[in-house]
C-alpha atoms as a PDB file:
ATOM      1  CA  MET A   1     110.040 104.988 107.881  1.00  0.00           C
ATOM      2  CA  ARG A   2     110.106 101.718 105.653  1.00  0.00           C
ATOM      3  CA  LYS A   3     113.156  99.551 106.051  1.00  0.00           C
ATOM      4  CA  LYS A   4     115.463  99.794 103.014  1.00  0.00           C
ATOM      5  CA  ILE A   5     116.379  96.095 101.738  1.00  0.00           C
ATOM      6  CA  VAL A   6     118.739  94.491  99.327  1.00  0.00           C
ATOM      7  CA  ALA A   7     118.526  90.776  99.485  1.00  0.00           C
ATOM      8  CA  GLY A   8     120.586  88.332  97.237  1.00  0.00           C
ATOM      9  CA  ASN A   9     119.230  84.967  96.342  1.00  0.00           C
ATOM     10  CA  TRP A  10     121.926  82.498  95.352  1.00  0.00           C
ATOM     11  CA  LYS A  11     119.447  79.869  94.341  1.00  0.00           C
ATOM     12  CA  MET A  12     121.070  76.751  93.782  1.00  0.00           C
ATOM     13  CA  ASN A  13     124.732  77.969  93.281  1.00  0.00           C
ATOM     14  CA  LEU A  14     128.031  77.762  94.875  1.00  0.00           C
ATOM     15  CA  ASP A  15     129.480  74.778  96.826  1.00  0.00           C
ATOM     16  CA  TYR A  16     130.416  75.297 100.326  1.00  0.00           C
ATOM     17  CA  ALA A  17     133.785  76.772 100.013  1.00  0.00           C
ATOM     18  CA  SER A  18     133.037  78.893  97.328  1.00  0.00           C
ATOM     19  CA  GLY A  19     129.865  80.314  99.202  1.00  0.00           C
ATOM     20  CA  VAL A  20     132.072  80.946 102.186  1.00  0.00           C
ATOM     21  CA  SER A  21     134.675  82.762 100.230  1.00  0.00           C
ATOM     22  CA  LEU A  22     132.087  85.069  98.441  1.00  0.00           C
ATOM     23  CA  PHE A  23     130.221  86.037 101.701  1.00  0.00           C
ATOM     24  CA  SER A  24     133.278  86.881 103.398  1.00  0.00           C
ATOM     25  CA  GLU A  25     134.102  89.259 100.634  1.00  0.00           C
ATOM     26  CA  ILE A  26     130.482  90.588 100.785  1.00  0.00           C
ATOM     27  CA  VAL A  27     130.721  91.247 104.552  1.00  0.00           C
ATOM     28  CA  ASN A  28     133.955  92.921 104.242  1.00  0.00           C
ATOM     29  CA  MET A  29     132.909  95.137 101.455  1.00  0.00           C
ATOM     30  CA  VAL A  30     129.411  96.215 103.229  1.00  0.00           C
ATOM     31  CA  ARG A  31     131.385  96.891 106.222  1.00  0.00           C
ATOM     32  CA  ASP A  32     133.821  99.110 104.372  1.00  0.00           C
ATOM     33  CA  GLU A  33     131.451 100.736 102.029  1.00  0.00           C
ATOM     34  CA  LYS A  34     127.796 100.948 102.917  1.00  0.00           C
ATOM     35  CA  ASN A  35     126.969 104.347 104.167  1.00  0.00           C
ATOM     36  CA  GLY A  36     123.375 104.444 105.194  1.00  0.00           C
ATOM     37  CA  ASP A  37     120.719 102.235 107.108  1.00  0.00           C
ATOM     38  CA  GLN A  38     119.785  99.889 104.166  1.00  0.00           C
ATOM     39  CA  ILE A  39     119.904  96.151 105.259  1.00  0.00           C
ATOM     40  CA  ALA A  40     121.709  93.791 103.305  1.00  0.00           C
ATOM     41  CA  ILE A  41     120.605  89.982 103.207  1.00  0.00           C
ATOM     42  CA  ILE A  42     122.055  86.991 101.809  1.00  0.00           C
ATOM     43  CA  CYS A  43     119.737  83.857 101.210  1.00  0.00           C
ATOM     44  CA  SER A  44     121.831  81.120 100.418  1.00  0.00           C
ATOM     45  CA  PRO A  45     121.588  77.052  99.904  1.00  0.00           C
ATOM     46  CA  TYR A  46     120.764  75.584 103.274  1.00  0.00           C
ATOM     47  CA  ILE A  47     124.696  74.142 103.608  1.00  0.00           C
ATOM     48  CA  HIS A  48     126.050  77.347 103.899  1.00  0.00           C
ATOM     49  CA  LEU A  49     123.485  79.140 106.563  1.00  0.00           C
ATOM     50  CA  ASN A  50     125.286  78.198 109.799  1.00  0.00           C
ATOM     51  CA  SER A  51     128.811  79.104 108.657  1.00  0.00           C
ATOM     52  CA  LEU A  52     127.545  82.514 107.013  1.00  0.00           C
ATOM     53  CA  ALA A  53     125.741  83.674 110.350  1.00  0.00           C
ATOM     54  CA  LYS A  54     129.127  83.059 112.334  1.00  0.00           C
ATOM     55  CA  LEU A  55     131.004  84.833 109.710  1.00  0.00           C
ATOM     56  CA  GLY A  56     129.371  88.261 109.654  1.00  0.00           C
ATOM     57  CA  GLY A  57     125.401  87.676 110.369  1.00  0.00           C
ATOM     58  CA  GLU A  58     125.525  91.053 112.543  1.00  0.00           C
ATOM     59  CA  VAL A  59     126.643  92.923 109.214  1.00  0.00           C
ATOM     60  CA  VAL A  60     125.001  91.281 106.252  1.00  0.00           C
ATOM     61  CA  LYS A  61     121.834  89.141 107.506  1.00  0.00           C
ATOM     62  CA  ILE A  62     120.982  85.735 106.610  1.00  0.00           C
ATOM     63  CA  GLY A  63     118.109  84.007 104.951  1.00  0.00           C
ATOM     64  CA  ALA A  64     117.049  80.730 103.755  1.00  0.00           C
ATOM     65  CA  GLN A  65     115.633  80.200 100.569  1.00  0.00           C
ATOM     66  CA  ASN A  66     112.555  78.158 101.731  1.00  0.00           C
ATOM     67  CA  CYS A  67     111.094  76.176 104.753  1.00  0.00           C
ATOM     68  CA  HIS A  68     108.473  73.534 105.115  1.00  0.00           C
ATOM     69  CA  GLN A  69     105.005  74.319 106.522  1.00  0.00           C
ATOM     70  CA  ASN A  70     105.261  71.730 109.183  1.00  0.00           C
ATOM     71  CA  ASP A  71     107.450  71.921 112.488  1.00  0.00           C
ATOM     72  CA  ASN A  72     109.006  68.373 112.149  1.00  0.00           C
ATOM     73  CA  GLY A  73     108.101  64.743 110.826  1.00  0.00           C
ATOM     74  CA  ALA A  74     108.753  62.376 108.073  1.00  0.00           C
ATOM     75  CA  PHE A  75     109.297  64.847 105.315  1.00  0.00           C
ATOM     76  CA  THR A  76     112.538  63.582 103.876  1.00  0.00           C
ATOM     77  CA  GLY A  77     114.581  66.349 102.323  1.00  0.00           C
ATOM     78  CA  GLU A  78     112.737  69.278 103.921  1.00  0.00           C
ATOM     79  CA  ILE A  79     113.763  71.978 106.435  1.00  0.00           C
ATOM     80  CA  SER A  80     111.562  73.288 108.961  1.00  0.00           C
ATOM     81  CA  ALA A  81     111.582  77.185 109.806  1.00  0.00           C
ATOM     82  CA  GLY A  82     112.642  76.251 113.303  1.00  0.00           C
ATOM     83  CA  MET A  83     115.785  74.680 111.779  1.00  0.00           C
ATOM     84  CA  VAL A  84     116.430  77.643 109.752  1.00  0.00           C
ATOM     85  CA  LYS A  85     115.996  79.999 112.506  1.00  0.00           C
ATOM     86  CA  SER A  86     118.375  77.778 115.078  1.00  0.00           C
ATOM     87  CA  VAL A  87     121.364  78.404 112.782  1.00  0.00           C
ATOM     88  CA  GLY A  88     121.269  82.116 112.956  1.00  0.00           C
ATOM     89  CA  CYS A  89     118.816  82.989 109.805  1.00  0.00           C
ATOM     90  CA  GLU A  90     116.518  86.017 110.215  1.00  0.00           C
ATOM     91  CA  TYR A  91     114.821  85.995 106.934  1.00  0.00           C
ATOM     92  CA  VAL A  92     113.333  83.152 104.527  1.00  0.00           C
ATOM     93  CA  ILE A  93     112.015  83.738 101.051  1.00  0.00           C
ATOM     94  CA  ILE A  94     108.637  82.234 100.472  1.00  0.00           C
ATOM     95  CA  GLY A  95     106.832  81.903  97.181  1.00  0.00           C
ATOM     96  CA  HIS A  96     109.686  82.678  94.859  1.00  0.00           C
ATOM     97  CA  SER A  97     108.121  82.043  91.395  1.00  0.00           C
ATOM     98  CA  GLU A  98     110.677  79.184  90.831  1.00  0.00           C
ATOM     99  CA  ARG A  99     108.919  77.175  94.088  1.00  0.00           C
ATOM    100  CA  ARG A 100     105.610  78.149  92.323  1.00  0.00           C
ATOM    101  CA  GLN A 101     106.414  76.908  88.990  1.00  0.00           C
ATOM    102  CA  TYR A 102     108.665  73.905  89.388  1.00  0.00           C
ATOM    103  CA  PHE A 103     107.501  72.655  92.697  1.00  0.00           C
ATOM    104  CA  ALA A 104     103.737  73.528  92.183  1.00  0.00           C
ATOM    105  CA  GLU A 105     103.617  75.823  95.562  1.00  0.00           C
ATOM    106  CA  SER A 106     100.069  77.124  95.988  1.00  0.00           C
ATOM    107  CA  ASN A 107      99.111  80.244  97.621  1.00  0.00           C
ATOM    108  CA  GLU A 108      97.360  78.422 100.309  1.00  0.00           C
ATOM    109  CA  LEU A 109     100.357  76.386 100.618  1.00  0.00           C
ATOM    110  CA  LEU A 110     102.651  79.427 100.771  1.00  0.00           C
ATOM    111  CA  ALA A 111     100.163  81.132 103.466  1.00  0.00           C
ATOM    112  CA  GLN A 112     100.971  77.984 105.920  1.00  0.00           C
ATOM    113  CA  LYS A 113     104.705  78.372 105.442  1.00  0.00           C
ATOM    114  CA  THR A 114     104.180  82.086 106.138  1.00  0.00           C
ATOM    115  CA  VAL A 115     102.732  81.614 109.417  1.00  0.00           C
ATOM    116  CA  LYS A 116     105.296  78.983 110.245  1.00  0.00           C
ATOM    117  CA  ALA A 117     108.151  81.452 109.569  1.00  0.00           C
ATOM    118  CA  LEU A 118     106.162  84.114 111.776  1.00  0.00           C
ATOM    119  CA  GLU A 119     106.101  81.572 114.344  1.00  0.00           C
ATOM    120  CA  ASN A 120     109.626  80.975 114.462  1.00  0.00           C
ATOM    121  CA  ASP A 121     110.322  84.676 114.461  1.00  0.00           C
ATOM    122  CA  LEU A 122     111.914  84.679 110.738  1.00  0.00           C
ATOM    123  CA  THR A 123     110.902  87.533 108.405  1.00  0.00           C
ATOM    124  CA  PRO A 124     109.162  86.270 105.698  1.00  0.00           C
ATOM    125  CA  LEU A 125     110.208  87.677 102.052  1.00  0.00           C
ATOM    126  CA  PHE A 126     106.900  86.932 100.283  1.00  0.00           C
ATOM    127  CA  CYS A 127     107.076  86.848  96.729  1.00  0.00           C
ATOM    128  CA  ILE A 128     104.224  87.413  93.950  1.00  0.00           C
ATOM    129  CA  GLY A 129     104.514  88.449  90.280  1.00  0.00           C
ATOM    130  CA  GLU A 130     103.163  87.724  87.156  1.00  0.00           C
ATOM    131  CA  THR A 131     104.077  85.663  84.020  1.00  0.00           C
ATOM    132  CA  LEU A 132     104.470  87.220  80.597  1.00  0.00           C
ATOM    133  CA  ASP A 133     101.458  85.987  79.369  1.00  0.00           C
ATOM    134  CA  GLU A 134      99.376  87.812  82.314  1.00  0.00           C
ATOM    135  CA  ARG A 135     101.346  90.977  81.943  1.00  0.00           C
ATOM    136  CA  ASN A 136     100.364  90.825  78.113  1.00  0.00           C
ATOM    137  CA  ASN A 137      96.809  90.214  78.608  1.00  0.00           C
ATOM    138  CA  GLY A 138      96.436  92.814  81.239  1.00  0.00           C
ATOM    139  CA  SER A 139      95.283  90.436  84.039  1.00  0.00           C
ATOM    140  CA  TYR A 140      98.189  91.060  86.220  1.00  0.00           C
ATOM    141  CA  PHE A 141      96.729  93.152  88.869  1.00  0.00           C
ATOM    142  CA  GLU A 142      94.009  90.525  89.384  1.00  0.00           C
ATOM    143  CA  VAL A 143      96.886  88.032  89.767  1.00  0.00           C
ATOM    144  CA  LEU A 144      98.806  89.966  92.291  1.00  0.00           C
ATOM    145  CA  LYS A 145      95.879  90.679  94.346  1.00  0.00           C
ATOM    146  CA  THR A 146      94.895  87.028  94.497  1.00  0.00           C
ATOM    147  CA  GLN A 147      98.284  86.052  95.430  1.00  0.00           C
ATOM    148  CA  LEU A 148      98.227  88.659  98.320  1.00  0.00           C
ATOM    149  CA  GLU A 149      94.591  87.745  99.331  1.00  0.00           C
ATOM    150  CA  GLN A 150      95.403  83.949  99.537  1.00  0.00           C
ATOM    151  CA  GLY A 151      99.030  84.183 100.640  1.00  0.00           C
ATOM    152  CA  VAL A 152      99.316  86.913 103.217  1.00  0.00           C
ATOM    153  CA  PHE A 153      96.012  88.760 103.740  1.00  0.00           C
ATOM    154  CA  GLY A 154      94.850  86.010 106.170  1.00  0.00           C
ATOM    155  CA  LEU A 155      97.456  87.311 108.638  1.00  0.00           C
ATOM    156  CA  SER A 156      96.057  89.534 111.486  1.00  0.00           C
ATOM    157  CA  ALA A 157      97.533  93.004 111.263  1.00  0.00           C
ATOM    158  CA  ALA A 158     100.305  92.563 113.703  1.00  0.00           C
ATOM    159  CA  ASP A 159     101.533  89.729 111.737  1.00  0.00           C
ATOM    160  CA  PHE A 160     101.260  91.274 108.448  1.00  0.00           C
ATOM    161  CA  SER A 161     103.384  94.031 109.697  1.00  0.00           C
ATOM    162  CA  LYS A 162     106.240  91.831 110.018  1.00  0.00           C
ATOM    163  CA  VAL A 163     106.174  90.589 106.285  1.00  0.00           C
ATOM    164  CA  VAL A 164     108.244  92.010 103.600  1.00  0.00           C
ATOM    165  CA  ILE A 165     106.640  91.714 100.163  1.00  0.00           C
ATOM    166  CA  ALA A 166     109.004  91.102  96.943  1.00  0.00           C
ATOM    167  CA  TYR A 167     107.380  91.946  93.339  1.00  0.00           C
ATOM    168  CA  GLU A 168     109.071  89.756  90.870  1.00  0.00           C
ATOM    169  CA  PRO A 169     107.734  89.766  87.419  1.00  0.00           C
ATOM    170  CA  VAL A 170     108.272  86.348  86.431  1.00  0.00           C
ATOM    171  CA  TRP A 171     109.030  87.303  83.046  1.00  0.00           C
ATOM    172  CA  ALA A 172     111.952  89.606  84.238  1.00  0.00           C
ATOM    173  CA  ILE A 173     113.681  86.954  86.203  1.00  0.00           C
ATOM    174  CA  GLY A 174     116.915  85.603  84.523  1.00  0.00           C
ATOM    175  CA  THR A 175     115.867  86.690  81.102  1.00  0.00           C
ATOM    176  CA  GLY A 176     117.524  90.307  80.959  1.00  0.00           C
ATOM    177  CA  LEU A 177     114.620  91.842  80.668  1.00  0.00           C
ATOM    178  CA  THR A 178     113.692  94.337  83.428  1.00  0.00           C
ATOM    179  CA  ALA A 179     110.464  96.224  84.144  1.00  0.00           C
ATOM    180  CA  THR A 180     110.938 100.223  83.291  1.00  0.00           C
ATOM    181  CA  SER A 181     111.087 101.887  86.295  1.00  0.00           C
ATOM    182  CA  ALA A 182     107.689 103.204  85.548  1.00  0.00           C
ATOM    183  CA  GLN A 183     106.316  99.850  85.234  1.00  0.00           C
ATOM    184  CA  ALA A 184     107.577  98.953  88.520  1.00  0.00           C
ATOM    185  CA  GLN A 185     106.365 101.689  90.248  1.00  0.00           C
ATOM    186  CA  GLU A 186     103.066 101.275  88.992  1.00  0.00           C
ATOM    187  CA  VAL A 187     102.719  97.921  90.383  1.00  0.00           C
ATOM    188  CA  HIS A 188     104.279  98.659  93.897  1.00  0.00           C
ATOM    189  CA  ALA A 189     101.982 101.557  94.084  1.00  0.00           C
ATOM    190  CA  TYR A 190      99.187  99.015  93.489  1.00  0.00           C
ATOM    191  CA  ILE A 191     100.387  96.572  95.849  1.00  0.00           C
ATOM    192  CA  ARG A 192     100.651  99.135  98.585  1.00  0.00           C
ATOM    193  CA  LYS A 193      96.888 100.149  97.898  1.00  0.00           C
ATOM    194  CA  GLU A 194      95.874  96.868  98.312  1.00  0.00           C
ATOM    195  CA  ILE A 195      97.608  96.468 101.691  1.00  0.00           C
ATOM    196  CA  ALA A 196      95.951  99.886 102.527  1.00  0.00           C
ATOM    197  CA  ALA A 197      92.498  98.594 101.709  1.00  0.00           C
ATOM    198  CA  LYS A 198      92.964  95.412 103.555  1.00  0.00           C
ATOM    199  CA  TYR A 199      94.799  96.644 106.885  1.00  0.00           C
ATOM    200  CA  SER A 200      95.386 100.391 107.187  1.00  0.00           C
ATOM    201  CA  ASN A 201      97.513 103.198 105.416  1.00  0.00           C
ATOM    202  CA  GLU A 202      99.567 103.131 108.242  1.00  0.00           C
ATOM    203  CA  ILE A 203     100.603  99.372 107.799  1.00  0.00           C
ATOM    204  CA  ALA A 204     100.867 100.067 104.014  1.00  0.00           C
ATOM    205  CA  GLU A 205     103.498 103.041 104.317  1.00  0.00           C
ATOM    206  CA  ALA A 206     105.499 100.980 106.626  1.00  0.00           C
ATOM    207  CA  THR A 207     105.561  97.732 104.451  1.00  0.00           C
ATOM    208  CA  SER A 208     108.889  97.129 102.466  1.00  0.00           C
ATOM    209  CA  ILE A 209     108.154  96.290  98.975  1.00  0.00           C
ATOM    210  CA  LEU A 210     111.013  94.849  97.053  1.00  0.00           C
ATOM    211  CA  TYR A 211     111.501  94.571  93.349  1.00  0.00           C
ATOM    212  CA  GLY A 212     112.982  91.472  91.999  1.00  0.00           C
ATOM    213  CA  GLY A 213     113.462  91.239  88.179  1.00  0.00           C
ATOM    214  CA  SER A 214     116.891  91.595  86.814  1.00  0.00           C
ATOM    215  CA  CYS A 215     118.124  94.281  89.150  1.00  0.00           C
ATOM    216  CA  ASN A 216     121.670  95.116  88.656  1.00  0.00           C
ATOM    217  CA  PRO A 217     123.962  97.642  89.276  1.00  0.00           C
ATOM    218  CA  LYS A 218     123.213  99.745  86.342  1.00  0.00           C
ATOM    219  CA  ASN A 219     119.259 100.225  86.810  1.00  0.00           C
ATOM    220  CA  ALA A 220     119.395  99.785  90.773  1.00  0.00           C
ATOM    221  CA  ALA A 221     119.414 103.642  91.463  1.00  0.00           C
ATOM    222  CA  GLU A 222     116.798 104.678  89.135  1.00  0.00           C
ATOM    223  CA  LEU A 223     114.475 101.781  90.510  1.00  0.00           C
ATOM    224  CA  PHE A 224     115.209 102.572  94.006  1.00  0.00           C
ATOM    225  CA  ALA A 225     114.388 106.080  93.396  1.00  0.00           C
ATOM    226  CA  GLN A 226     110.830 105.347  92.967  1.00  0.00           C
ATOM    227  CA  GLN A 227     108.193 106.154  95.774  1.00  0.00           C
ATOM    228  CA  ASP A 228     107.105 102.539  96.254  1.00  0.00           C
ATOM    229  CA  ILE A 229     110.084 100.761  95.790  1.00  0.00           C
ATOM    230  CA  ASP A 230     111.936 100.014  98.937  1.00  0.00           C
ATOM    231  CA  GLY A 231     114.989  97.611  97.510  1.00  0.00           C
ATOM    232  CA  GLY A 232     115.612  94.637  95.709  1.00  0.00           C
ATOM    233  CA  LEU A 233     115.535  90.526  95.641  1.00  0.00           C
ATOM    234  CA  ILE A 234     118.580  90.116  93.657  1.00  0.00           C
ATOM    235  CA  GLY A 235     119.428  87.088  91.746  1.00  0.00           C
ATOM    236  CA  GLY A 236     122.539  86.764  89.444  1.00  0.00           C
ATOM    237  CA  ALA A 237     123.892  90.041  90.569  1.00  0.00           C
ATOM    238  CA  SER A 238     124.273  88.649  94.346  1.00  0.00           C
ATOM    239  CA  LEU A 239     126.942  85.970  93.016  1.00  0.00           C
ATOM    240  CA  LYS A 240     129.367  88.661  92.550  1.00  0.00           C
ATOM    241  CA  SER A 241     130.525  90.835  95.433  1.00  0.00           C
ATOM    242  CA  ARG A 242     131.193  93.926  93.537  1.00  0.00           C
ATOM    243  CA  ASP A 243     127.810  93.752  91.805  1.00  0.00           C
ATOM    244  CA  PHE A 244     125.836  93.272  94.937  1.00  0.00           C
ATOM    245  CA  VAL A 245     127.476  95.905  97.121  1.00  0.00           C
ATOM    246  CA  ASP A 246     127.080  98.294  94.171  1.00  0.00           C
ATOM    247  CA  ILE A 247     123.418  97.577  94.448  1.00  0.00           C
ATOM    248  CA  VAL A 248     123.491  98.179  98.195  1.00  0.00           C
ATOM    249  CA  LYS A 249     125.012 101.286  97.834  1.00  0.00           C
ATOM    250  CA  ALA A 250     122.517 102.402  95.305  1.00  0.00           C
ATOM    251  CA  PHE A 251     120.323 103.901  97.793  1.00  0.00           C
ATOM    252  CA  ASN A 252     123.038 106.691  98.249  1.00  0.00           C
ATOM    253  CA  SER A 253     123.380 107.199  94.398  1.00  0.00           C
END
């Protein structure tokens, strides 16, 4: 059985007090309302991580939004995977489109970060996705395949089995646009087929693939009902406790 996962990405939002308050609301609501085996995760800014893990990391898992590819050293402003792990995180987002776009993170760099996350017993939420131009010109399958091949297909089968893939069409992030459930399913099925070709059908069928592109309480149930969509990587809706928990509960709709 593939794990069902809803991961919230707060991005660069919320000061310390606001983050702690929101997370407390989410933990209480998940504890009271979740009915199922789906996993809820919040990936917060670094300043919150230690406190959130102590507040309810057993109910809502904690993830970081990034980590560095080295263990330590003279890298001012960076945070290592070991540091992330040391405050109670279990997950880390790697390769989000905003990191690729604004910080020029290459597939090769992301491959290094993935290895480092796994070495520190963190589960990578590895993001792939195409731009609007790539969607419109029909090259998106090729783009996704390259991101997989250069980013995570260098891993052993055992290590790849610990990775969660998040498909995030860049054209649907923060734009209000959303891939239709059929469009999302088509891509998720393609990703699973590529995983099967690289590793095995068994590994492909066990890999959780999340959809991340303006998923909200209104469309979550339809998206999650698709055969190859195992949850969501949630942006703006994760900043509202009611919206986020309703998405977590969408698996039961």
